[in-house]
Every structure is written in structure tokens, then in C-alpha cells.
Amino acid sequence: MEIVALSVLYWIAVGIMLLVGLIKLIFGKRTEQNQNPGLKLVIASVIMFVIGGGACALILSGLGSMH
């Protein structure tokens, strides 16, 4: 059951990082500020999304268990 709670927290963190990164990119472009922090957040959240999706697929397929 604790894996479900950790998984939910992980996906919430990925979503928040993606939203904050996109907001920083959009408002940075409007105000002509540096866009590197927003871009780094978006890239990190996409990498986390891919890794998390692969981990979830592995857990749900049953290949991760050594029964």
C-alpha cells in the first residue's frame, strides 16, 4: 500500500514541476527575463515522467517481483 502513496506523491511532484516550469517559461518570455530555470524544470519533469512511467509499467506488469 505504501508504494501507491509514494507513487501518487511522485506524480504530484512531476506535475507541479511541469506546471511551474511552463509558467516560468511563459512569463519569462513575456517579461524578457532569463528562461533557463523554467526550461531546466520542464526538462527535468519530462525526464522524471519517462522514468516514472517506465517504473509504473514494470511494477504493473509484474516483472519487478521475484516470485
N, C-alpha and C. Protein backbone atom coordinates (compact mmCIF):
# COMPACT_ATOMS: atom_id res chain seq x y z
N MET A 1 0.82 -1.20 0.00
CA MET A 1 0.00 0.00 0.00
C MET A 1 0.86 1.26 0.00
N GLU A 2 2.05 1.17 0.63
CA GLU A 2 2.91 2.35 0.69
C GLU A 2 3.47 2.71 -0.68
N ILE A 3 3.56 1.72 -1.58
CA ILE A 3 4.04 2.02 -2.93
C ILE A 3 3.05 2.90 -3.67
N VAL A 4 1.76 2.73 -3.39
CA VAL A 4 0.74 3.55 -4.03
C VAL A 4 0.84 4.99 -3.56
N ALA A 5 1.04 5.18 -2.26
CA ALA A 5 1.16 6.53 -1.71
C ALA A 5 2.40 7.22 -2.26
N LEU A 6 3.51 6.52 -2.33
CA LEU A 6 4.73 7.10 -2.89
C LEU A 6 4.57 7.41 -4.37
N SER A 7 3.88 6.55 -5.08
CA SER A 7 3.65 6.78 -6.50
C SER A 7 2.79 8.02 -6.72
N VAL A 8 1.77 8.19 -5.92
CA VAL A 8 0.92 9.38 -6.03
C VAL A 8 1.72 10.64 -5.73
N LEU A 9 2.54 10.60 -4.70
CA LEU A 9 3.37 11.76 -4.37
C LEU A 9 4.36 12.06 -5.49
N TYR A 10 4.91 11.04 -6.10
CA TYR A 10 5.85 11.21 -7.21
C TYR A 10 5.17 11.92 -8.38
N TRP A 11 3.99 11.44 -8.76
CA TRP A 11 3.30 12.03 -9.90
C TRP A 11 2.82 13.45 -9.60
N ILE A 12 2.47 13.73 -8.36
CA ILE A 12 2.12 15.10 -7.98
C ILE A 12 3.33 16.00 -8.12
N ALA A 13 4.49 15.53 -7.67
CA ALA A 13 5.72 16.32 -7.79
C ALA A 13 6.08 16.57 -9.26
N VAL A 14 5.92 15.56 -10.11
CA VAL A 14 6.19 15.73 -11.53
C VAL A 14 5.25 16.77 -12.13
N GLY A 15 3.98 16.70 -11.79
CA GLY A 15 3.00 17.65 -12.31
C GLY A 15 3.28 19.08 -11.87
N ILE A 16 3.64 19.24 -10.60
CA ILE A 16 3.94 20.57 -10.08
C ILE A 16 5.18 21.13 -10.76
N MET A 17 6.21 20.31 -10.92
CA MET A 17 7.43 20.77 -11.59
C MET A 17 7.14 21.19 -13.03
N LEU A 18 6.32 20.42 -13.72
CA LEU A 18 5.99 20.75 -15.10
C LEU A 18 5.21 22.06 -15.18
N LEU A 19 4.22 22.22 -14.30
CA LEU A 19 3.44 23.45 -14.31
C LEU A 19 4.28 24.67 -13.98
N VAL A 20 5.11 24.57 -12.96
CA VAL A 20 5.97 25.70 -12.57
C VAL A 20 6.94 26.03 -13.69
N GLY A 21 7.51 25.02 -14.32
CA GLY A 21 8.44 25.25 -15.43
C GLY A 21 7.76 25.94 -16.60
N LEU A 22 6.55 25.48 -16.95
CA LEU A 22 5.82 26.10 -18.05
C LEU A 22 5.44 27.54 -17.72
N ILE A 23 5.02 27.79 -16.50
CA ILE A 23 4.66 29.15 -16.09
C ILE A 23 5.88 30.06 -16.15
N LYS A 24 7.03 29.56 -15.68
CA LYS A 24 8.25 30.36 -15.75
C LYS A 24 8.66 30.64 -17.19
N LEU A 25 8.47 29.66 -18.08
CA LEU A 25 8.80 29.88 -19.48
C LEU A 25 7.88 30.93 -20.11
N ILE A 26 6.59 30.82 -19.83
CA ILE A 26 5.63 31.74 -20.44
C ILE A 26 5.83 33.16 -19.92
N PHE A 27 5.93 33.32 -18.60
CA PHE A 27 6.08 34.66 -18.05
C PHE A 27 7.48 35.21 -18.28
N GLY A 28 8.47 34.36 -18.39
CA GLY A 28 9.81 34.82 -18.71
C GLY A 28 9.89 35.38 -20.12
N LYS A 29 9.16 34.75 -21.03
CA LYS A 29 9.13 35.23 -22.41
C LYS A 29 8.39 36.58 -22.49
N ARG A 30 7.35 36.75 -21.67
CA ARG A 30 6.59 38.00 -21.66
C ARG A 30 7.41 39.16 -21.12
N THR A 31 8.16 38.90 -20.06
CA THR A 31 8.88 39.98 -19.39
C THR A 31 10.34 40.04 -19.81
N GLU A 32 10.73 39.25 -20.80
CA GLU A 32 12.11 39.24 -21.31
C GLU A 32 13.14 38.89 -20.23
N GLN A 33 12.76 37.99 -19.32
CA GLN A 33 13.69 37.54 -18.29
C GLN A 33 14.39 36.27 -18.78
N ASN A 34 15.34 35.82 -17.96
CA ASN A 34 16.08 34.60 -18.27
C ASN A 34 15.12 33.40 -18.21
N GLN A 35 15.14 32.57 -19.22
CA GLN A 35 14.23 31.43 -19.30
C GLN A 35 14.90 30.11 -18.93
N ASN A 36 16.17 30.13 -18.56
CA ASN A 36 16.88 28.88 -18.26
C ASN A 36 16.28 28.11 -17.09
N PRO A 37 15.91 28.75 -15.96
CA PRO A 37 15.34 27.96 -14.86
C PRO A 37 14.04 27.25 -15.25
N GLY A 38 13.19 27.93 -16.00
CA GLY A 38 11.94 27.30 -16.45
C GLY A 38 12.19 26.15 -17.39
N LEU A 39 13.14 26.34 -18.28
CA LEU A 39 13.48 25.28 -19.24
C LEU A 39 14.08 24.08 -18.53
N LYS A 40 14.92 24.32 -17.53
CA LYS A 40 15.51 23.21 -16.77
C LYS A 40 14.44 22.43 -16.01
N LEU A 41 13.45 23.14 -15.45
CA LEU A 41 12.37 22.45 -14.75
C LEU A 41 11.53 21.60 -15.71
N VAL A 42 11.26 22.12 -16.89
CA VAL A 42 10.47 21.35 -17.86
C VAL A 42 11.25 20.11 -18.30
N ILE A 43 12.53 20.26 -18.58
CA ILE A 43 13.34 19.10 -18.99
C ILE A 43 13.42 18.06 -17.88
N ALA A 44 13.63 18.51 -16.64
CA ALA A 44 13.70 17.57 -15.51
C ALA A 44 12.37 16.86 -15.30
N SER A 45 11.27 17.56 -15.44
CA SER A 45 9.97 16.91 -15.24
C SER A 45 9.65 15.92 -16.35
N VAL A 46 10.09 16.21 -17.58
CA VAL A 46 9.87 15.25 -18.67
C VAL A 46 10.71 13.99 -18.44
N ILE A 47 11.95 14.17 -17.99
CA ILE A 47 12.78 13.00 -17.68
C ILE A 47 12.16 12.19 -16.54
N MET A 48 11.68 12.88 -15.50
CA MET A 48 11.02 12.17 -14.40
C MET A 48 9.76 11.46 -14.87
N PHE A 49 9.03 12.07 -15.81
CA PHE A 49 7.82 11.46 -16.35
C PHE A 49 8.14 10.16 -17.07
N VAL A 50 9.19 10.18 -17.88
CA VAL A 50 9.58 8.98 -18.63
C VAL A 50 10.06 7.87 -17.69
N ILE A 51 10.89 8.23 -16.72
CA ILE A 51 11.39 7.23 -15.77
C ILE A 51 10.26 6.69 -14.91
N GLY A 52 9.39 7.56 -14.44
CA GLY A 52 8.26 7.12 -13.61
C GLY A 52 7.29 6.26 -14.38
N GLY A 53 7.05 6.61 -15.64
CA GLY A 53 6.17 5.79 -16.47
C GLY A 53 6.73 4.39 -16.69
N GLY A 54 8.04 4.32 -16.90
CA GLY A 54 8.68 3.01 -17.06
C GLY A 54 8.63 2.19 -15.79
N ALA A 55 8.83 2.85 -14.65
CA ALA A 55 8.77 2.14 -13.37
C ALA A 55 7.37 1.64 -13.09
N CYS A 56 6.36 2.46 -13.39
CA CYS A 56 4.98 2.02 -13.18
C CYS A 56 4.63 0.85 -14.09
N ALA A 57 5.08 0.91 -15.33
CA ALA A 57 4.82 -0.19 -16.25
C ALA A 57 5.49 -1.47 -15.76
N LEU A 58 6.70 -1.35 -15.22
CA LEU A 58 7.40 -2.52 -14.71
C LEU A 58 6.68 -3.10 -13.50
N ILE A 59 6.23 -2.24 -12.61
CA ILE A 59 5.52 -2.71 -11.41
C ILE A 59 4.20 -3.36 -11.81
N LEU A 60 3.46 -2.71 -12.71
CA LEU A 60 2.15 -3.26 -13.09
C LEU A 60 2.25 -4.54 -13.91
N SER A 61 3.33 -4.71 -14.64
CA SER A 61 3.47 -5.93 -15.45
C SER A 61 3.87 -7.12 -14.60
N GLY A 62 4.38 -6.87 -13.42
CA GLY A 62 4.77 -7.98 -12.55
C GLY A 62 6.18 -8.44 -12.76
N LEU A 63 6.94 -7.81 -13.64
CA LEU A 63 8.31 -8.22 -13.87
C LEU A 63 9.23 -7.80 -12.74
N GLY A 64 8.81 -6.82 -11.96
CA GLY A 64 9.64 -6.32 -10.88
C GLY A 64 9.65 -7.24 -9.67
N SER A 65 8.68 -8.14 -9.58
CA SER A 65 8.64 -9.04 -8.42
C SER A 65 9.42 -10.31 -8.72
N MET A 66 10.09 -10.81 -7.72
CA MET A 66 10.92 -12.02 -7.89
C MET A 66 10.25 -13.23 -7.24
N HIS A 67 9.02 -13.50 -7.62
CA HIS A 67 8.31 -14.65 -7.04
C HIS A 67 8.62 -15.89 -7.81
